[in-house]
């Protein structure tokens, strides 16, 4: 007899500044409840690189993590590289950007946009 295994995923976190930025983007576009898609692709100077996009649709196998009025969505292939990470937003001399603090990364590039596990 087989049964479904119970699995509680390690959450991804969305910092207060990232939540505020998503809410601000939603207000600027006249939309509420924006969803930020976070994904990992091959490439970058360290092997993998992070990507961000505003998600219009959520696939059946995506993981959706809600934070009040905003949410994160991650595809199953990217999720394995991002478990336990925090998505943050910063503004500075280099500009404004979303970034990921990933405890699974063994090496990152200087700008933090690519990593290796």
PDB file of N, CA and C in Angstrom:
ATOM      1  N   UNK A   1       0.842  -1.172   0.000  1.00  0.00           N
ATOM      2  CA  UNK A   1       0.000   0.000   0.000  1.00  0.00           C
ATOM      3  C   UNK A   1       0.886   1.233   0.000  1.00  0.00           C
ATOM      4  N   UNK A   2       0.652   2.123  -0.915  1.00  0.00           N
ATOM      5  CA  UNK A   2       1.427   3.352  -0.955  1.00  0.00           C
ATOM      6  C   UNK A   2       0.529   4.521  -0.590  1.00  0.00           C
ATOM      7  N   UNK A   3       1.136   5.520  -0.057  1.00  0.00           N
ATOM      8  CA  UNK A   3       0.383   6.708   0.324  1.00  0.00           C
ATOM      9  C   UNK A   3       1.208   7.938   0.062  1.00  0.00           C
ATOM     10  N   UNK A   4       0.565   9.055   0.136  1.00  0.00           N
ATOM     11  CA  UNK A   4       1.257  10.324  -0.085  1.00  0.00           C
ATOM     12  C   UNK A   4       2.148  10.627   1.105  1.00  0.00           C
ATOM     13  N   UNK A   5       3.367  11.016   0.825  1.00  0.00           N
ATOM     14  CA  UNK A   5       4.297  11.384   1.880  1.00  0.00           C
ATOM     15  C   UNK A   5       4.038  12.830   2.284  1.00  0.00           C
ATOM     16  N   UNK A   6       4.187  13.097   3.543  1.00  0.00           N
ATOM     17  CA  UNK A   6       4.015  14.446   4.040  1.00  0.00           C
ATOM     18  C   UNK A   6       5.319  15.214   3.867  1.00  0.00           C
ATOM     19  N   UNK A   7       5.225  16.421   3.360  1.00  0.00           N
ATOM     20  CA  UNK A   7       6.408  17.239   3.124  1.00  0.00           C
ATOM     21  C   UNK A   7       6.083  18.682   3.485  1.00  0.00           C
ATOM     22  N   UNK A   8       6.865  19.234   4.379  1.00  0.00           N
ATOM     23  CA  UNK A   8       6.707  20.640   4.743  1.00  0.00           C
ATOM     24  C   UNK A   8       7.931  21.368   4.202  1.00  0.00           C
ATOM     25  N   UNK A   9       7.765  22.154   3.128  1.00  0.00           N
ATOM     26  CA  UNK A   9       8.927  22.812   2.529  1.00  0.00           C
ATOM     27  C   UNK A   9       9.481  23.917   3.414  1.00  0.00           C
ATOM     28  N   UNK A  10      10.783  24.108   3.314  1.00  0.00           N
ATOM     29  CA  UNK A  10      11.409  25.239   3.985  1.00  0.00           C
ATOM     30  C   UNK A  10      10.984  26.486   3.238  1.00  0.00           C
ATOM     31  N   UNK A  11      10.432  27.446   3.921  1.00  0.00           N
ATOM     32  CA  UNK A  11       9.881  28.596   3.205  1.00  0.00           C
ATOM     33  C   UNK A  11      10.950  29.513   2.628  1.00  0.00           C
ATOM     34  N   UNK A  12      10.557  30.225   1.624  1.00  0.00           N
ATOM     35  CA  UNK A  12      11.324  31.367   1.152  1.00  0.00           C
ATOM     36  C   UNK A  12      10.732  32.561   1.868  1.00  0.00           C
ATOM     37  N   UNK A  13      11.569  33.502   2.199  1.00  0.00           N
ATOM     38  CA  UNK A  13      11.103  34.672   2.911  1.00  0.00           C
ATOM     39  C   UNK A  13      11.176  35.892   2.009  1.00  0.00           C
ATOM     40  N   UNK A  14      10.308  36.851   2.246  1.00  0.00           N
ATOM     41  CA  UNK A  14      10.271  38.108   1.513  1.00  0.00           C
ATOM     42  C   UNK A  14      10.446  39.215   2.538  1.00  0.00           C
ATOM     43  N   UNK A  15      11.557  39.931   2.458  1.00  0.00           N
ATOM     44  CA  UNK A  15      11.859  40.967   3.454  1.00  0.00           C
ATOM     45  C   UNK A  15      10.807  42.071   3.425  1.00  0.00           C
ATOM     46  N   UNK A  16      10.788  42.858   4.487  1.00  0.00           N
ATOM     47  CA  UNK A  16       9.846  43.981   4.566  1.00  0.00           C
ATOM     48  C   UNK A  16      10.069  44.967   3.419  1.00  0.00           C
ATOM     49  N   UNK A  17      11.342  45.229   3.082  1.00  0.00           N
ATOM     50  CA  UNK A  17      11.611  46.175   1.999  1.00  0.00           C
ATOM     51  C   UNK A  17      11.161  45.623   0.647  1.00  0.00           C
ATOM     52  N   UNK A  18      11.291  44.325   0.433  1.00  0.00           N
ATOM     53  CA  UNK A  18      10.819  43.715  -0.816  1.00  0.00           C
ATOM     54  C   UNK A  18       9.292  43.734  -0.872  1.00  0.00           C
ATOM     55  N   UNK A  19       8.639  43.482   0.248  1.00  0.00           N
ATOM     56  CA  UNK A  19       7.177  43.554   0.287  1.00  0.00           C
ATOM     57  C   UNK A  19       6.703  44.967  -0.019  1.00  0.00           C
ATOM     58  N   UNK A  20       7.371  45.957   0.576  1.00  0.00           N
ATOM     59  CA  UNK A  20       6.986  47.350   0.350  1.00  0.00           C
ATOM     60  C   UNK A  20       7.183  47.725  -1.117  1.00  0.00           C
ATOM     61  N   UNK A  21       8.262  47.253  -1.737  1.00  0.00           N
ATOM     62  CA  UNK A  21       8.512  47.568  -3.146  1.00  0.00           C
ATOM     63  C   UNK A  21       7.440  46.942  -4.036  1.00  0.00           C
ATOM     64  N   UNK A  22       7.078  45.692  -3.774  1.00  0.00           N
ATOM     65  CA  UNK A  22       6.017  45.048  -4.559  1.00  0.00           C
ATOM     66  C   UNK A  22       4.692  45.768  -4.389  1.00  0.00           C
ATOM     67  N   UNK A  23       4.372  46.178  -3.171  1.00  0.00           N
ATOM     68  CA  UNK A  23       3.136  46.917  -2.947  1.00  0.00           C
ATOM     69  C   UNK A  23       3.168  48.250  -3.688  1.00  0.00           C
ATOM     70  N   UNK A  24       4.323  48.917  -3.686  1.00  0.00           N
ATOM     71  CA  UNK A  24       4.468  50.177  -4.405  1.00  0.00           C
ATOM     72  C   UNK A  24       4.329  49.995  -5.907  1.00  0.00           C
ATOM     73  N   UNK A  25       4.896  48.919  -6.436  1.00  0.00           N
ATOM     74  CA  UNK A  25       4.758  48.626  -7.867  1.00  0.00           C
ATOM     75  C   UNK A  25       3.298  48.372  -8.223  1.00  0.00           C
ATOM     76  N   UNK A  26       2.606  47.658  -7.350  1.00  0.00           N
ATOM     77  CA  UNK A  26       1.187  47.375  -7.584  1.00  0.00           C
ATOM     78  C   UNK A  26       0.356  48.632  -7.587  1.00  0.00           C
ATOM     79  N   UNK A  27       0.628  49.524  -6.652  1.00  0.00           N
ATOM     80  CA  UNK A  27      -0.104  50.794  -6.595  1.00  0.00           C
ATOM     81  C   UNK A  27       0.178  51.633  -7.834  1.00  0.00           C
ATOM     82  N   UNK A  28       1.438  51.638  -8.298  1.00  0.00           N
ATOM     83  CA  UNK A  28       1.810  52.418  -9.484  1.00  0.00           C
ATOM     84  C   UNK A  28       1.117  51.888 -10.745  1.00  0.00           C
ATOM     85  N   UNK A  29       0.889  50.571 -10.792  1.00  0.00           N
ATOM     86  CA  UNK A  29       0.244  49.957 -11.949  1.00  0.00           C
ATOM     87  C   UNK A  29      -1.268  49.836 -11.777  1.00  0.00           C
ATOM     88  N   UNK A  30      -1.764  50.243 -10.618  1.00  0.00           N
ATOM     89  CA  UNK A  30      -3.194  50.130 -10.367  1.00  0.00           C
ATOM     90  C   UNK A  30      -3.651  48.697 -10.152  1.00  0.00           C
ATOM     91  N   UNK A  31      -2.736  47.841  -9.696  1.00  0.00           N
ATOM     92  CA  UNK A  31      -3.051  46.436  -9.433  1.00  0.00           C
ATOM     93  C   UNK A  31      -2.764  46.143  -7.971  1.00  0.00           C
ATOM     94  N   UNK A  32      -3.551  45.269  -7.411  1.00  0.00           N
ATOM     95  CA  UNK A  32      -3.249  44.827  -6.057  1.00  0.00           C
ATOM     96  C   UNK A  32      -2.829  43.365  -6.103  1.00  0.00           C
ATOM     97  N   UNK A  33      -2.089  42.948  -5.106  1.00  0.00           N
ATOM     98  CA  UNK A  33      -1.708  41.550  -5.015  1.00  0.00           C
ATOM     99  C   UNK A  33      -0.695  41.104  -6.052  1.00  0.00           C
ATOM    100  N   UNK A  34       0.360  41.877  -6.244  1.00  0.00           N
ATOM    101  CA  UNK A  34       1.392  41.471  -7.199  1.00  0.00           C
ATOM    102  C   UNK A  34       2.130  40.234  -6.705  1.00  0.00           C
ATOM    103  N   UNK A  35       2.535  39.403  -7.653  1.00  0.00           N
ATOM    104  CA  UNK A  35       3.285  38.197  -7.360  1.00  0.00           C
ATOM    105  C   UNK A  35       4.632  38.285  -8.060  1.00  0.00           C
ATOM    106  N   UNK A  36       5.698  38.106  -7.299  1.00  0.00           N
ATOM    107  CA  UNK A  36       7.045  38.135  -7.841  1.00  0.00           C
ATOM    108  C   UNK A  36       7.489  36.710  -8.127  1.00  0.00           C
ATOM    109  N   UNK A  37       7.809  36.423  -9.392  1.00  0.00           N
ATOM    110  CA  UNK A  37       8.352  35.114  -9.757  1.00  0.00           C
ATOM    111  C   UNK A  37       9.863  35.180  -9.586  1.00  0.00           C
ATOM    112  N   UNK A  38      10.402  34.226  -8.826  1.00  0.00           N
ATOM    113  CA  UNK A  38      11.834  34.105  -8.607  1.00  0.00           C
ATOM    114  C   UNK A  38      12.267  32.791  -9.236  1.00  0.00           C
ATOM    115  N   UNK A  39      13.334  32.834 -10.039  1.00  0.00           N
ATOM    116  CA  UNK A  39      13.777  31.608 -10.703  1.00  0.00           C
ATOM    117  C   UNK A  39      15.296  31.572 -10.809  1.00  0.00           C
ATOM    118  N   UNK A  40      15.799  30.386 -11.121  1.00  0.00           N
ATOM    119  CA  UNK A  40      17.223  30.151 -11.283  1.00  0.00           C
ATOM    120  C   UNK A  40      17.449  29.635 -12.695  1.00  0.00           C
ATOM    121  N   UNK A  41      18.452  30.179 -13.368  1.00  0.00           N
ATOM    122  CA  UNK A  41      18.839  29.697 -14.695  1.00  0.00           C
ATOM    123  C   UNK A  41      20.336  29.422 -14.701  1.00  0.00           C
ATOM    124  N   UNK A  42      20.787  28.647 -15.671  1.00  0.00           N
ATOM    125  CA  UNK A  42      22.208  28.411 -15.841  1.00  0.00           C
ATOM    126  C   UNK A  42      22.871  29.652 -16.394  1.00  0.00           C
ATOM    127  N   UNK A  43      24.128  29.863 -16.038  1.00  0.00           N
ATOM    128  CA  UNK A  43      24.864  31.016 -16.554  1.00  0.00           C
ATOM    129  C   UNK A  43      25.390  31.870 -15.437  1.00  0.00           C
ATOM    130  N   UNK A  44      25.816  33.048 -15.778  1.00  0.00           N
ATOM    131  CA  UNK A  44      26.401  33.922 -14.782  1.00  0.00           C
ATOM    132  C   UNK A  44      27.839  33.522 -14.525  1.00  0.00           C
ATOM    133  N   UNK A  45      28.565  34.346 -13.833  1.00  0.00           N
ATOM    134  CA  UNK A  45      29.991  34.074 -13.626  1.00  0.00           C
ATOM    135  C   UNK A  45      30.244  32.994 -12.572  1.00  0.00           C
ATOM    136  N   UNK A  46      29.222  32.595 -11.812  1.00  0.00           N
ATOM    137  CA  UNK A  46      29.413  31.558 -10.797  1.00  0.00           C
ATOM    138  C   UNK A  46      28.652  30.272 -11.086  1.00  0.00           C
ATOM    139  N   UNK A  47      27.999  30.134 -12.220  1.00  0.00           N
ATOM    140  CA  UNK A  47      27.334  28.881 -12.565  1.00  0.00           C
ATOM    141  C   UNK A  47      25.833  28.981 -12.728  1.00  0.00           C
ATOM    142  N   UNK A  48      25.154  29.593 -11.778  1.00  0.00           N
ATOM    143  CA  UNK A  48      23.713  29.820 -11.843  1.00  0.00           C
ATOM    144  C   UNK A  48      23.456  31.299 -11.649  1.00  0.00           C
ATOM    145  N   UNK A  49      22.324  31.768 -12.144  1.00  0.00           N
ATOM    146  CA  UNK A  49      21.968  33.161 -11.887  1.00  0.00           C
ATOM    147  C   UNK A  49      20.500  33.270 -11.513  1.00  0.00           C
ATOM    148  N   UNK A  50      20.185  34.281 -10.724  1.00  0.00           N
ATOM    149  CA  UNK A  50      18.824  34.532 -10.276  1.00  0.00           C
ATOM    150  C   UNK A  50      18.083  35.357 -11.309  1.00  0.00           C
ATOM    151  N   UNK A  51      16.781  35.133 -11.379  1.00  0.00           N
ATOM    152  CA  UNK A  51      15.937  35.944 -12.239  1.00  0.00           C
ATOM    153  C   UNK A  51      14.669  36.327 -11.499  1.00  0.00           C
ATOM    154  N   UNK A  52      14.109  37.468 -11.874  1.00  0.00           N
ATOM    155  CA  UNK A  52      12.898  37.989 -11.252  1.00  0.00           C
ATOM    156  C   UNK A  52      11.964  38.474 -12.337  1.00  0.00           C
ATOM    157  N   UNK A  53      10.673  38.270 -12.121  1.00  0.00           N
ATOM    158  CA  UNK A  53       9.666  38.733 -13.064  1.00  0.00           C
ATOM    159  C   UNK A  53       8.357  38.867 -12.299  1.00  0.00           C
ATOM    160  N   UNK A  54       7.499  39.760 -12.748  1.00  0.00           N
ATOM    161  CA  UNK A  54       6.167  39.826 -12.165  1.00  0.00           C
ATOM    162  C   UNK A  54       5.323  38.747 -12.818  1.00  0.00           C
ATOM    163  N   UNK A  55       4.771  37.877 -12.004  1.00  0.00           N
ATOM    164  CA  UNK A  55       4.030  36.718 -12.510  1.00  0.00           C
ATOM    165  C   UNK A  55       2.583  37.089 -12.799  1.00  0.00           C
ATOM    166  N   UNK A  56       2.174  36.829 -14.019  1.00  0.00           N
ATOM    167  CA  UNK A  56       0.776  37.027 -14.396  1.00  0.00           C
ATOM    168  C   UNK A  56      -0.028  35.753 -14.122  1.00  0.00           C
ATOM    169  N   UNK A  57       0.639  34.606 -14.256  1.00  0.00           N
ATOM    170  CA  UNK A  57      -0.019  33.314 -14.056  1.00  0.00           C
ATOM    171  C   UNK A  57       0.835  32.439 -13.152  1.00  0.00           C
ATOM    172  N   UNK A  58       0.174  31.535 -12.451  1.00  0.00           N
ATOM    173  CA  UNK A  58       0.848  30.574 -11.592  1.00  0.00           C
ATOM    174  C   UNK A  58       0.525  29.187 -12.117  1.00  0.00           C
ATOM    175  N   UNK A  59       1.557  28.400 -12.444  1.00  0.00           N
ATOM    176  CA  UNK A  59       1.364  27.046 -12.955  1.00  0.00           C
ATOM    177  C   UNK A  59       0.955  26.109 -11.820  1.00  0.00           C
ATOM    178  N   UNK A  60       0.376  25.000 -12.182  1.00  0.00           N
ATOM    179  CA  UNK A  60      -0.112  24.036 -11.204  1.00  0.00           C
ATOM    180  C   UNK A  60       0.996  23.503 -10.308  1.00  0.00           C
ATOM    181  N   UNK A  61       2.212  23.343 -10.848  1.00  0.00           N
ATOM    182  CA  UNK A  61       3.300  22.787 -10.051  1.00  0.00           C
ATOM    183  C   UNK A  61       4.198  23.853  -9.407  1.00  0.00           C
ATOM    184  N   UNK A  62       3.847  25.136  -9.547  1.00  0.00           N
ATOM    185  CA  UNK A  62       4.581  26.213  -8.880  1.00  0.00           C
ATOM    186  C   UNK A  62       4.289  26.212  -7.383  1.00  0.00           C
ATOM    187  N   UNK A  63       5.211  26.754  -6.617  1.00  0.00           N
ATOM    188  CA  UNK A  63       4.992  26.983  -5.189  1.00  0.00           C
ATOM    189  C   UNK A  63       4.661  28.455  -5.010  1.00  0.00           C
ATOM    190  N   UNK A  64       3.522  28.732  -4.402  1.00  0.00           N
ATOM    191  CA  UNK A  64       3.071  30.094  -4.147  1.00  0.00           C
ATOM    192  C   UNK A  64       3.167  30.352  -2.652  1.00  0.00           C
ATOM    193  N   UNK A  65       3.891  31.402  -2.276  1.00  0.00           N
ATOM    194  CA  UNK A  65       4.064  31.757  -0.872  1.00  0.00           C
ATOM    195  C   UNK A  65       3.541  33.175  -0.700  1.00  0.00           C
ATOM    196  N   UNK A  66       2.483  33.326   0.090  1.00  0.00           N
ATOM    197  CA  UNK A  66       1.820  34.613   0.239  1.00  0.00           C
ATOM    198  C   UNK A  66       2.330  35.368   1.459  1.00  0.00           C
ATOM    199  N   UNK A  67       2.445  36.679   1.291  1.00  0.00           N
ATOM    200  CA  UNK A  67       2.866  37.593   2.357  1.00  0.00           C
ATOM    201  C   UNK A  67       1.878  38.748   2.372  1.00  0.00           C
ATOM    202  N   UNK A  68       0.735  38.547   2.963  1.00  0.00           N
ATOM    203  CA  UNK A  68      -0.284  39.591   2.976  1.00  0.00           C
ATOM    204  C   UNK A  68      -0.817  39.838   1.582  1.00  0.00           C
ATOM    205  N   UNK A  69      -0.622  41.050   1.074  1.00  0.00           N
ATOM    206  CA  UNK A  69      -1.150  41.423  -0.239  1.00  0.00           C
ATOM    207  C   UNK A  69      -0.248  41.021  -1.403  1.00  0.00           C
ATOM    208  N   UNK A  70       0.992  40.630  -1.128  1.00  0.00           N
ATOM    209  CA  UNK A  70       1.923  40.248  -2.181  1.00  0.00           C
ATOM    210  C   UNK A  70       2.346  38.797  -1.994  1.00  0.00           C
ATOM    211  N   UNK A  71       3.000  38.232  -3.017  1.00  0.00           N
ATOM    212  CA  UNK A  71       3.383  36.822  -2.942  1.00  0.00           C
ATOM    213  C   UNK A  71       4.630  36.558  -3.774  1.00  0.00           C
ATOM    214  N   UNK A  72       5.271  35.433  -3.467  1.00  0.00           N
ATOM    215  CA  UNK A  72       6.365  34.897  -4.266  1.00  0.00           C
ATOM    216  C   UNK A  72       5.866  33.640  -4.956  1.00  0.00           C
ATOM    217  N   UNK A  73       6.343  33.387  -6.163  1.00  0.00           N
ATOM    218  CA  UNK A  73       6.044  32.138  -6.844  1.00  0.00           C
ATOM    219  C   UNK A  73       7.355  31.594  -7.399  1.00  0.00           C
ATOM    220  N   UNK A  74       7.562  30.279  -7.241  1.00  0.00           N
ATOM    221  CA  UNK A  74       8.803  29.629  -7.664  1.00  0.00           C
ATOM    222  C   UNK A  74       8.455  28.323  -8.353  1.00  0.00           C
ATOM    223  N   UNK A  75       9.100  28.071  -9.495  1.00  0.00           N
ATOM    224  CA  UNK A  75       8.900  26.800 -10.194  1.00  0.00           C
ATOM    225  C   UNK A  75       9.643  25.689  -9.443  1.00  0.00           C
ATOM    226  N   UNK A  76       9.243  24.421  -9.649  1.00  0.00           N
ATOM    227  CA  UNK A  76       9.829  23.327  -8.868  1.00  0.00           C
ATOM    228  C   UNK A  76      11.327  23.125  -9.090  1.00  0.00           C
ATOM    229  N   UNK A  77      11.847  23.395 -10.276  1.00  0.00           N
ATOM    230  CA  UNK A  77      13.289  23.227 -10.505  1.00  0.00           C
ATOM    231  C   UNK A  77      14.097  24.289  -9.767  1.00  0.00           C
ATOM    232  N   UNK A  78      13.611  25.502  -9.742  1.00  0.00           N
ATOM    233  CA  UNK A  78      14.317  26.582  -9.052  1.00  0.00           C
ATOM    234  C   UNK A  78      14.211  26.456  -7.536  1.00  0.00           C
ATOM    235  N   UNK A  79      13.089  25.930  -7.059  1.00  0.00           N
ATOM    236  CA  UNK A  79      12.834  25.858  -5.613  1.00  0.00           C
ATOM    237  C   UNK A  79      13.950  25.134  -4.875  1.00  0.00           C
ATOM    238  N   UNK A  80      14.456  24.054  -5.486  1.00  0.00           N
ATOM    239  CA  UNK A  80      15.489  23.263  -4.810  1.00  0.00           C
ATOM    240  C   UNK A  80      16.760  24.072  -4.530  1.00  0.00           C
ATOM    241  N   UNK A  81      17.034  25.086  -5.331  1.00  0.00           N
ATOM    242  CA  UNK A  81      18.209  25.931  -5.127  1.00  0.00           C
ATOM    243  C   UNK A  81      17.924  27.108  -4.195  1.00  0.00           C
ATOM    244  N   UNK A  82      16.653  27.380  -3.940  1.00  0.00           N
ATOM    245  CA  UNK A  82      16.269  28.575  -3.200  1.00  0.00           C
ATOM    246  C   UNK A  82      15.722  28.314  -1.798  1.00  0.00           C
ATOM    247  N   UNK A  83      15.546  27.049  -1.404  1.00  0.00           N
ATOM    248  CA  UNK A  83      14.966  26.766  -0.089  1.00  0.00           C
ATOM    249  C   UNK A  83      15.737  27.487   1.013  1.00  0.00           C
ATOM    250  N   UNK A  84      15.017  28.136   1.890  1.00  0.00           N
ATOM    251  CA  UNK A  84      15.616  28.844   3.012  1.00  0.00           C
ATOM    252  C   UNK A  84      16.136  30.228   2.681  1.00  0.00           C
ATOM    253  N   UNK A  85      15.989  30.676   1.446  1.00  0.00           N
ATOM    254  CA  UNK A  85      16.511  31.980   1.027  1.00  0.00           C
ATOM    255  C   UNK A  85      15.573  33.118   1.417  1.00  0.00           C
ATOM    256  N   UNK A  86      16.124  34.315   1.431  1.00  0.00           N
ATOM    257  CA  UNK A  86      15.349  35.528   1.657  1.00  0.00           C
ATOM    258  C   UNK A  86      15.478  36.418   0.428  1.00  0.00           C
ATOM    259  N   UNK A  87      14.340  36.839  -0.104  1.00  0.00           N
ATOM    260  CA  UNK A  87      14.328  37.792  -1.205  1.00  0.00           C
ATOM    261  C   UNK A  87      14.248  39.175  -0.585  1.00  0.00           C
ATOM    262  N   UNK A  88      15.188  40.031  -0.968  1.00  0.00           N
ATOM    263  CA  UNK A  88      15.279  41.370  -0.396  1.00  0.00           C
ATOM    264  C   UNK A  88      15.249  42.395  -1.524  1.00  0.00           C
ATOM    265  N   UNK A  89      15.092  43.652  -1.171  1.00  0.00           N
ATOM    266  CA  UNK A  89      15.141  44.744  -2.133  1.00  0.00           C
ATOM    267  C   UNK A  89      16.036  45.820  -1.559  1.00  0.00           C
ATOM    268  N   UNK A  90      16.952  46.332  -2.400  1.00  0.00           N
ATOM    269  CA  UNK A  90      17.836  47.389  -1.936  1.00  0.00           C
ATOM    270  C   UNK A  90      17.953  48.490  -2.971  1.00  0.00           C
ATOM    271  N   UNK A  91      18.173  49.683  -2.462  1.00  0.00           N
ATOM    272  CA  UNK A  91      18.445  50.846  -3.308  1.00  0.00           C
ATOM    273  C   UNK A  91      19.771  51.423  -2.849  1.00  0.00           C
ATOM    274  N   UNK A  92      20.634  51.707  -3.813  1.00  0.00           N
ATOM    275  CA  UNK A  92      21.942  52.251  -3.469  1.00  0.00           C
ATOM    276  C   UNK A  92      22.585  52.891  -4.668  1.00  0.00           C
ATOM    277  N   UNK A  93      23.880  53.086  -4.582  1.00  0.00           N
ATOM    278  CA  UNK A  93      24.617  53.721  -5.669  1.00  0.00           C
ATOM    279  C   UNK A  93      24.564  52.896  -6.949  1.00  0.00           C
ATOM    280  N   UNK A  94      24.458  51.591  -6.819  1.00  0.00           N
ATOM    281  CA  UNK A  94      24.400  50.703  -7.988  1.00  0.00           C
ATOM    282  C   UNK A  94      22.996  50.623  -8.576  1.00  0.00           C
ATOM    283  N   UNK A  95      22.017  51.277  -7.964  1.00  0.00           N
ATOM    284  CA  UNK A  95      20.643  51.242  -8.452  1.00  0.00           C
ATOM    285  C   UNK A  95      19.736  50.507  -7.496  1.00  0.00           C
ATOM    286  N   UNK A  96      18.535  50.245  -7.944  1.00  0.00           N
ATOM    287  CA  UNK A  96      17.542  49.539  -7.139  1.00  0.00           C
ATOM    288  C   UNK A  96      17.375  48.146  -7.711  1.00  0.00           C
ATOM    289  N   UNK A  97      17.313  47.145  -6.822  1.00  0.00           N
ATOM    290  CA  UNK A  97      17.197  45.772  -7.316  1.00  0.00           C
ATOM    291  C   UNK A  97      16.699  44.821  -6.236  1.00  0.00           C
ATOM    292  N   UNK A  98      16.075  43.742  -6.706  1.00  0.00           N
ATOM    293  CA  UNK A  98      15.773  42.620  -5.839  1.00  0.00           C
ATOM    294  C   UNK A  98      17.033  41.768  -5.779  1.00  0.00           C
ATOM    295  N   UNK A  99      17.290  41.162  -4.636  1.00  0.00           N
ATOM    296  CA  UNK A  99      18.435  40.269  -4.498  1.00  0.00           C
ATOM    297  C   UNK A  99      18.069  39.130  -3.564  1.00  0.00           C
ATOM    298  N   UNK A 100      18.868  38.090  -3.602  1.00  0.00           N
ATOM    299  CA  UNK A 100      18.583  36.900  -2.808  1.00  0.00           C
ATOM    300  C   UNK A 100      19.734  36.620  -1.859  1.00  0.00           C
ATOM    301  N   UNK A 101      19.378  36.403  -0.611  1.00  0.00           N
ATOM    302  CA  UNK A 101      20.338  35.946   0.392  1.00  0.00           C
ATOM    303  C   UNK A 101      20.111  34.442   0.507  1.00  0.00           C
ATOM    304  N   UNK A 102      21.023  33.678  -0.091  1.00  0.00           N
ATOM    305  CA  UNK A 102      20.831  32.235  -0.247  1.00  0.00           C
ATOM    306  C   UNK A 102      21.818  31.464   0.624  1.00  0.00           C
ATOM    307  N   UNK A 103      21.330  30.778   1.670  1.00  0.00           N
ATOM    308  CA  UNK A 103      22.241  30.017   2.535  1.00  0.00           C
ATOM    309  C   UNK A 103      22.804  28.769   1.849  1.00  0.00           C
ATOM    310  N   UNK A 104      22.242  28.369   0.709  1.00  0.00           N
ATOM    311  CA  UNK A 104      22.710  27.184  -0.008  1.00  0.00           C
ATOM    312  C   UNK A 104      23.883  27.485  -0.927  1.00  0.00           C
ATOM    313  N   UNK A 105      24.133  28.754  -1.225  1.00  0.00           N
ATOM    314  CA  UNK A 105      25.191  29.139  -2.150  1.00  0.00           C
ATOM    315  C   UNK A 105      26.556  28.966  -1.488  1.00  0.00           C
ATOM    316  N   UNK A 106      27.450  28.257  -2.172  1.00  0.00           N
ATOM    317  CA  UNK A 106      28.807  28.090  -1.656  1.00  0.00           C
ATOM    318  C   UNK A 106      29.731  29.180  -2.179  1.00  0.00           C
ATOM    319  N   UNK A 107      29.389  29.736  -3.349  1.00  0.00           N
ATOM    320  CA  UNK A 107      30.160  30.807  -3.970  1.00  0.00           C
ATOM    321  C   UNK A 107      29.189  31.767  -4.630  1.00  0.00           C
ATOM    322  N   UNK A 108      29.455  33.053  -4.531  1.00  0.00           N
ATOM    323  CA  UNK A 108      28.651  34.051  -5.244  1.00  0.00           C
ATOM    324  C   UNK A 108      29.594  35.003  -5.964  1.00  0.00           C
ATOM    325  N   UNK A 109      29.061  35.660  -6.975  1.00  0.00           N
ATOM    326  CA  UNK A 109      29.860  36.670  -7.662  1.00  0.00           C
ATOM    327  C   UNK A 109      29.832  37.960  -6.843  1.00  0.00           C
ATOM    328  N   UNK A 110      30.620  38.928  -7.241  1.00  0.00           N
ATOM    329  CA  UNK A 110      30.725  40.176  -6.496  1.00  0.00           C
ATOM    330  C   UNK A 110      29.415  40.941  -6.397  1.00  0.00           C
ATOM    331  N   UNK A 111      28.594  40.885  -7.443  1.00  0.00           N
ATOM    332  CA  UNK A 111      27.336  41.654  -7.421  1.00  0.00           C
ATOM    333  C   UNK A 111      26.188  40.851  -6.796  1.00  0.00           C
ATOM    334  N   UNK A 112      26.397  39.550  -6.569  1.00  0.00           N
ATOM    335  CA  UNK A 112      25.365  38.730  -5.943  1.00  0.00           C
ATOM    336  C   UNK A 112      24.301  38.210  -6.884  1.00  0.00           C
ATOM    337  N   UNK A 113      24.481  38.415  -8.194  1.00  0.00           N
ATOM    338  CA  UNK A 113      23.465  37.985  -9.157  1.00  0.00           C
ATOM    339  C   UNK A 113      23.649  36.526  -9.591  1.00  0.00           C
ATOM    340  N   UNK A 114      24.821  35.951  -9.344  1.00  0.00           N
ATOM    341  CA  UNK A 114      25.023  34.552  -9.701  1.00  0.00           C
ATOM    342  C   UNK A 114      25.652  33.815  -8.528  1.00  0.00           C
ATOM    343  N   UNK A 115      25.532  32.477  -8.563  1.00  0.00           N
ATOM    344  CA  UNK A 115      25.984  31.674  -7.428  1.00  0.00           C
ATOM    345  C   UNK A 115      26.305  30.257  -7.875  1.00  0.00           C
ATOM    346  N   UNK A 116      26.926  29.512  -6.961  1.00  0.00           N
ATOM    347  CA  UNK A 116      27.228  28.097  -7.163  1.00  0.00           C
ATOM    348  C   UNK A 116      26.827  27.349  -5.897  1.00  0.00           C
ATOM    349  N   UNK A 117      26.313  26.133  -6.061  1.00  0.00           N
ATOM    350  CA  UNK A 117      25.963  25.301  -4.909  1.00  0.00           C
ATOM    351  C   UNK A 117      26.856  24.084  -4.854  1.00  0.00           C
TER     352      UNK A 117
END
